[in-house]
């Protein structure tokens, strides 16, 4: 930006892929609900979150954190970007009800 705050790391991102169907384990829910109290699903849920925590620790140690204030609350986060990307396999055409752009 014009103030010289752009930071370019030129690093390869971490990639975490959950190959299990969401009906087996939903890693975006609390462990009990997401793993449906199944011991194997709980292990998968925990491994997924452990890897993300490990990546966050590495990023924090390598690049630090950032603090900001939003809606009156100060928050601190890892100086990195996390994207949670989902696929869509529904039978309905999700574009059908969208307005033309």
N, C-alpha and C. Protein backbone atom coordinates (compact mmCIF):
# COMPACT_ATOMS: atom_id res chain seq x y z
N UNK A 1 0.83 -1.19 0.00
CA UNK A 1 0.00 0.00 0.00
C UNK A 1 0.87 1.25 0.00
N UNK A 2 0.27 2.41 0.01
CA UNK A 2 1.01 3.66 -0.09
C UNK A 2 1.85 3.95 1.15
N UNK A 3 1.55 3.28 2.26
CA UNK A 3 2.31 3.50 3.50
C UNK A 3 3.44 2.50 3.66
N UNK A 4 3.62 1.63 2.70
CA UNK A 4 4.71 0.66 2.77
C UNK A 4 4.45 -0.49 3.72
N UNK A 5 3.19 -0.83 3.96
CA UNK A 5 2.86 -1.90 4.90
C UNK A 5 2.69 -3.26 4.24
N UNK A 6 2.89 -3.36 2.95
CA UNK A 6 2.75 -4.66 2.29
C UNK A 6 3.91 -5.57 2.70
N UNK A 7 3.57 -6.79 3.04
CA UNK A 7 4.57 -7.77 3.42
C UNK A 7 4.45 -8.93 2.45
N UNK A 8 5.56 -9.30 1.84
CA UNK A 8 5.58 -10.43 0.92
C UNK A 8 6.49 -11.49 1.51
N UNK A 9 5.93 -12.67 1.77
CA UNK A 9 6.70 -13.73 2.40
C UNK A 9 7.26 -14.72 1.39
N UNK A 10 6.60 -14.87 0.24
CA UNK A 10 7.03 -15.83 -0.78
C UNK A 10 7.27 -17.21 -0.19
N UNK A 11 6.31 -17.70 0.56
CA UNK A 11 6.40 -19.00 1.19
C UNK A 11 5.34 -19.93 0.62
N UNK A 12 5.57 -21.20 0.73
CA UNK A 12 4.60 -22.21 0.30
C UNK A 12 3.61 -22.38 1.44
N UNK A 13 2.31 -22.35 1.15
CA UNK A 13 1.32 -22.45 2.23
C UNK A 13 1.16 -23.87 2.75
N UNK A 14 0.70 -23.96 3.98
CA UNK A 14 0.29 -25.25 4.52
C UNK A 14 -1.00 -25.64 3.83
N UNK A 15 -1.19 -26.91 3.61
CA UNK A 15 -2.41 -27.41 3.00
C UNK A 15 -2.90 -28.58 3.85
N UNK A 16 -4.11 -28.45 4.36
CA UNK A 16 -4.71 -29.51 5.16
C UNK A 16 -5.94 -29.98 4.41
N UNK A 17 -5.97 -31.25 4.05
CA UNK A 17 -7.09 -31.80 3.30
C UNK A 17 -7.75 -32.89 4.15
N UNK A 18 -9.04 -32.77 4.32
CA UNK A 18 -9.81 -33.78 5.02
C UNK A 18 -10.49 -34.64 3.96
N UNK A 19 -10.02 -35.87 3.80
CA UNK A 19 -10.56 -36.76 2.77
C UNK A 19 -11.80 -37.51 3.25
N UNK A 20 -12.17 -37.34 4.49
CA UNK A 20 -13.34 -38.03 5.02
C UNK A 20 -14.60 -37.25 4.68
N UNK A 21 -15.64 -37.94 4.31
CA UNK A 21 -16.90 -37.29 4.00
C UNK A 21 -17.44 -36.61 5.25
N UNK A 22 -18.09 -35.50 5.05
CA UNK A 22 -18.61 -34.72 6.16
C UNK A 22 -19.63 -35.50 7.00
N UNK A 23 -20.26 -36.51 6.42
CA UNK A 23 -21.18 -37.34 7.20
C UNK A 23 -20.44 -38.23 8.20
N UNK A 24 -19.14 -38.42 7.99
CA UNK A 24 -18.32 -39.22 8.90
C UNK A 24 -17.68 -38.37 10.00
N UNK A 25 -17.16 -37.21 9.63
CA UNK A 25 -16.58 -36.29 10.60
C UNK A 25 -16.66 -34.88 10.04
N UNK A 26 -17.19 -33.98 10.85
CA UNK A 26 -17.30 -32.57 10.46
C UNK A 26 -16.32 -31.78 11.33
N UNK A 27 -15.18 -31.45 10.74
CA UNK A 27 -14.12 -30.78 11.51
C UNK A 27 -14.44 -29.32 11.83
N UNK A 28 -15.55 -28.81 11.29
CA UNK A 28 -15.96 -27.43 11.59
C UNK A 28 -16.97 -27.36 12.73
N UNK A 29 -17.16 -28.45 13.42
CA UNK A 29 -18.05 -28.50 14.58
C UNK A 29 -17.22 -28.84 15.82
N UNK A 30 -17.84 -28.71 16.98
CA UNK A 30 -17.19 -29.16 18.21
C UNK A 30 -16.92 -30.66 18.08
N UNK A 31 -15.92 -31.13 18.79
CA UNK A 31 -15.46 -32.52 18.62
C UNK A 31 -16.59 -33.54 18.82
N UNK A 32 -17.38 -33.42 19.87
CA UNK A 32 -18.44 -34.40 20.14
C UNK A 32 -19.46 -34.46 19.02
N UNK A 33 -19.93 -33.29 18.59
CA UNK A 33 -20.93 -33.25 17.52
C UNK A 33 -20.31 -33.59 16.17
N UNK A 34 -19.12 -33.08 15.91
CA UNK A 34 -18.48 -33.29 14.61
C UNK A 34 -18.05 -34.72 14.39
N UNK A 35 -17.67 -35.40 15.48
CA UNK A 35 -17.22 -36.79 15.36
C UNK A 35 -18.32 -37.77 15.74
N UNK A 36 -19.48 -37.26 16.11
CA UNK A 36 -20.65 -38.09 16.44
C UNK A 36 -20.31 -39.16 17.47
N UNK A 37 -19.43 -38.80 18.39
CA UNK A 37 -19.00 -39.69 19.48
C UNK A 37 -18.42 -41.01 19.00
N UNK A 38 -17.92 -41.07 17.77
CA UNK A 38 -17.27 -42.25 17.23
C UNK A 38 -15.77 -42.14 17.49
N UNK A 39 -15.14 -43.14 18.13
CA UNK A 39 -13.71 -43.04 18.48
C UNK A 39 -12.79 -42.81 17.28
N UNK A 40 -13.05 -43.44 16.16
CA UNK A 40 -12.19 -43.26 14.98
C UNK A 40 -12.37 -41.85 14.41
N UNK A 41 -13.61 -41.38 14.35
CA UNK A 41 -13.87 -40.02 13.87
C UNK A 41 -13.26 -39.00 14.82
N UNK A 42 -13.27 -39.30 16.12
CA UNK A 42 -12.65 -38.39 17.09
C UNK A 42 -11.15 -38.28 16.85
N UNK A 43 -10.51 -39.41 16.52
CA UNK A 43 -9.08 -39.39 16.22
C UNK A 43 -8.80 -38.53 14.98
N UNK A 44 -9.63 -38.69 13.94
CA UNK A 44 -9.46 -37.90 12.72
C UNK A 44 -9.68 -36.42 13.01
N UNK A 45 -10.71 -36.10 13.78
CA UNK A 45 -11.01 -34.71 14.15
C UNK A 45 -9.82 -34.11 14.89
N UNK A 46 -9.27 -34.87 15.85
CA UNK A 46 -8.15 -34.37 16.65
C UNK A 46 -6.90 -34.19 15.80
N UNK A 47 -6.60 -35.14 14.92
CA UNK A 47 -5.42 -35.04 14.06
C UNK A 47 -5.50 -33.80 13.17
N UNK A 48 -6.68 -33.54 12.62
CA UNK A 48 -6.90 -32.37 11.78
C UNK A 48 -6.59 -31.09 12.56
N UNK A 49 -7.16 -30.98 13.75
CA UNK A 49 -6.97 -29.77 14.55
C UNK A 49 -5.56 -29.66 15.12
N UNK A 50 -4.93 -30.79 15.43
CA UNK A 50 -3.54 -30.76 15.90
C UNK A 50 -2.61 -30.23 14.82
N UNK A 51 -2.83 -30.65 13.57
CA UNK A 51 -1.98 -30.17 12.48
C UNK A 51 -2.15 -28.68 12.28
N UNK A 52 -3.39 -28.19 12.33
CA UNK A 52 -3.63 -26.75 12.18
C UNK A 52 -2.95 -25.99 13.32
N UNK A 53 -3.04 -26.49 14.53
CA UNK A 53 -2.39 -25.84 15.67
C UNK A 53 -0.87 -25.81 15.49
N UNK A 54 -0.32 -26.90 14.97
CA UNK A 54 1.13 -26.97 14.71
C UNK A 54 1.54 -25.92 13.66
N UNK A 55 0.74 -25.79 12.61
CA UNK A 55 1.02 -24.80 11.57
C UNK A 55 0.93 -23.39 12.14
N UNK A 56 -0.09 -23.14 12.97
CA UNK A 56 -0.24 -21.81 13.58
C UNK A 56 0.95 -21.48 14.48
N UNK A 57 1.43 -22.46 15.23
CA UNK A 57 2.60 -22.23 16.10
C UNK A 57 3.82 -21.88 15.26
N UNK A 58 4.04 -22.61 14.17
CA UNK A 58 5.17 -22.31 13.29
C UNK A 58 5.06 -20.90 12.71
N UNK A 59 3.86 -20.55 12.23
CA UNK A 59 3.65 -19.22 11.64
C UNK A 59 3.86 -18.14 12.69
N UNK A 60 3.33 -18.36 13.89
CA UNK A 60 3.49 -17.38 14.97
C UNK A 60 4.98 -17.18 15.30
N UNK A 61 5.73 -18.28 15.40
CA UNK A 61 7.16 -18.19 15.72
C UNK A 61 7.95 -17.55 14.59
N UNK A 62 7.53 -17.79 13.35
CA UNK A 62 8.28 -17.28 12.19
C UNK A 62 7.92 -15.85 11.83
N UNK A 63 6.64 -15.49 11.96
CA UNK A 63 6.18 -14.20 11.45
C UNK A 63 5.51 -13.31 12.49
N UNK A 64 5.21 -13.85 13.64
CA UNK A 64 4.62 -13.04 14.70
C UNK A 64 3.11 -13.00 14.65
N UNK A 65 2.59 -12.04 15.38
CA UNK A 65 1.15 -11.88 15.48
C UNK A 65 0.78 -10.45 15.12
N UNK A 66 -0.49 -10.23 15.00
CA UNK A 66 -1.01 -8.90 14.70
C UNK A 66 -2.15 -8.64 15.68
N UNK A 67 -2.25 -7.40 16.14
CA UNK A 67 -3.34 -7.01 17.05
C UNK A 67 -4.18 -5.95 16.36
N UNK A 68 -5.46 -6.03 16.60
CA UNK A 68 -6.37 -5.03 16.06
C UNK A 68 -7.55 -4.88 17.00
N UNK A 69 -8.29 -3.84 16.80
CA UNK A 69 -9.50 -3.64 17.59
C UNK A 69 -10.69 -3.67 16.64
N UNK A 70 -11.69 -4.42 17.03
CA UNK A 70 -12.90 -4.50 16.24
C UNK A 70 -14.10 -4.51 17.17
N UNK A 71 -15.08 -3.69 16.88
CA UNK A 71 -16.28 -3.57 17.69
C UNK A 71 -15.97 -3.40 19.18
N UNK A 72 -14.91 -2.67 19.46
CA UNK A 72 -14.55 -2.38 20.84
C UNK A 72 -13.72 -3.44 21.52
N UNK A 73 -13.45 -4.55 20.87
CA UNK A 73 -12.65 -5.63 21.45
C UNK A 73 -11.30 -5.70 20.76
N UNK A 74 -10.25 -5.86 21.55
CA UNK A 74 -8.92 -6.05 20.96
C UNK A 74 -8.72 -7.53 20.73
N UNK A 75 -8.29 -7.88 19.52
CA UNK A 75 -8.04 -9.28 19.20
C UNK A 75 -6.62 -9.42 18.68
N UNK A 76 -6.06 -10.60 18.90
CA UNK A 76 -4.71 -10.92 18.42
C UNK A 76 -4.80 -12.17 17.57
N UNK A 77 -4.10 -12.17 16.48
CA UNK A 77 -4.10 -13.34 15.61
C UNK A 77 -2.73 -13.58 15.02
N UNK A 78 -2.56 -14.76 14.49
CA UNK A 78 -1.32 -15.13 13.81
C UNK A 78 -1.23 -14.33 12.52
N UNK A 79 -0.06 -13.86 12.20
CA UNK A 79 0.15 -13.09 10.98
C UNK A 79 0.21 -14.05 9.80
N UNK A 80 -0.96 -14.53 9.41
CA UNK A 80 -1.08 -15.49 8.33
C UNK A 80 -2.53 -15.51 7.85
N UNK A 81 -2.80 -16.34 6.90
CA UNK A 81 -4.12 -16.42 6.31
C UNK A 81 -4.59 -17.87 6.32
N UNK A 82 -5.81 -18.08 6.83
CA UNK A 82 -6.41 -19.41 6.85
C UNK A 82 -7.66 -19.38 5.99
N UNK A 83 -7.72 -20.28 5.04
CA UNK A 83 -8.90 -20.42 4.18
C UNK A 83 -9.52 -21.78 4.43
N UNK A 84 -10.80 -21.81 4.66
CA UNK A 84 -11.54 -23.05 4.87
C UNK A 84 -12.45 -23.21 3.66
N UNK A 85 -12.05 -24.07 2.74
CA UNK A 85 -12.74 -24.20 1.46
C UNK A 85 -13.55 -25.50 1.43
N UNK A 86 -14.79 -25.38 1.02
CA UNK A 86 -15.68 -26.53 0.95
C UNK A 86 -16.14 -26.72 -0.49
N UNK A 87 -16.41 -27.95 -0.85
CA UNK A 87 -16.99 -28.24 -2.15
C UNK A 87 -18.50 -28.24 -2.06
N UNK A 88 -19.14 -28.33 -3.20
CA UNK A 88 -20.60 -28.41 -3.25
C UNK A 88 -20.97 -29.57 -4.13
N UNK A 89 -21.74 -30.49 -3.58
CA UNK A 89 -22.14 -31.65 -4.39
C UNK A 89 -23.65 -31.85 -4.33
N UNK A 90 -24.37 -30.78 -4.05
CA UNK A 90 -25.82 -30.86 -3.98
C UNK A 90 -26.44 -31.14 -5.34
N UNK A 91 -27.66 -31.63 -5.33
CA UNK A 91 -28.33 -31.95 -6.58
C UNK A 91 -29.01 -30.74 -7.20
N UNK A 92 -29.23 -29.69 -6.42
CA UNK A 92 -29.88 -28.49 -6.96
C UNK A 92 -28.83 -27.54 -7.53
N UNK A 93 -29.22 -26.82 -8.54
CA UNK A 93 -28.33 -25.84 -9.16
C UNK A 93 -28.33 -24.60 -8.28
N UNK A 94 -27.28 -24.38 -7.50
CA UNK A 94 -27.21 -23.27 -6.56
C UNK A 94 -27.14 -21.93 -7.25
N UNK A 95 -26.85 -21.90 -8.54
CA UNK A 95 -26.77 -20.63 -9.27
C UNK A 95 -28.14 -20.17 -9.76
N UNK A 96 -29.11 -21.05 -9.78
CA UNK A 96 -30.41 -20.76 -10.37
C UNK A 96 -31.09 -19.52 -9.77
N UNK A 97 -30.98 -19.32 -8.48
CA UNK A 97 -31.69 -18.23 -7.81
C UNK A 97 -30.85 -16.96 -7.66
N UNK A 98 -29.67 -16.93 -8.24
CA UNK A 98 -28.83 -15.75 -8.14
C UNK A 98 -29.20 -14.76 -9.24
N UNK A 99 -29.13 -13.50 -8.88
CA UNK A 99 -29.40 -12.44 -9.87
C UNK A 99 -28.24 -12.38 -10.85
N UNK A 100 -28.52 -11.96 -12.05
CA UNK A 100 -27.46 -11.77 -13.05
C UNK A 100 -26.59 -10.60 -12.65
N UNK A 101 -25.30 -10.78 -12.85
CA UNK A 101 -24.36 -9.71 -12.49
C UNK A 101 -23.81 -9.10 -13.76
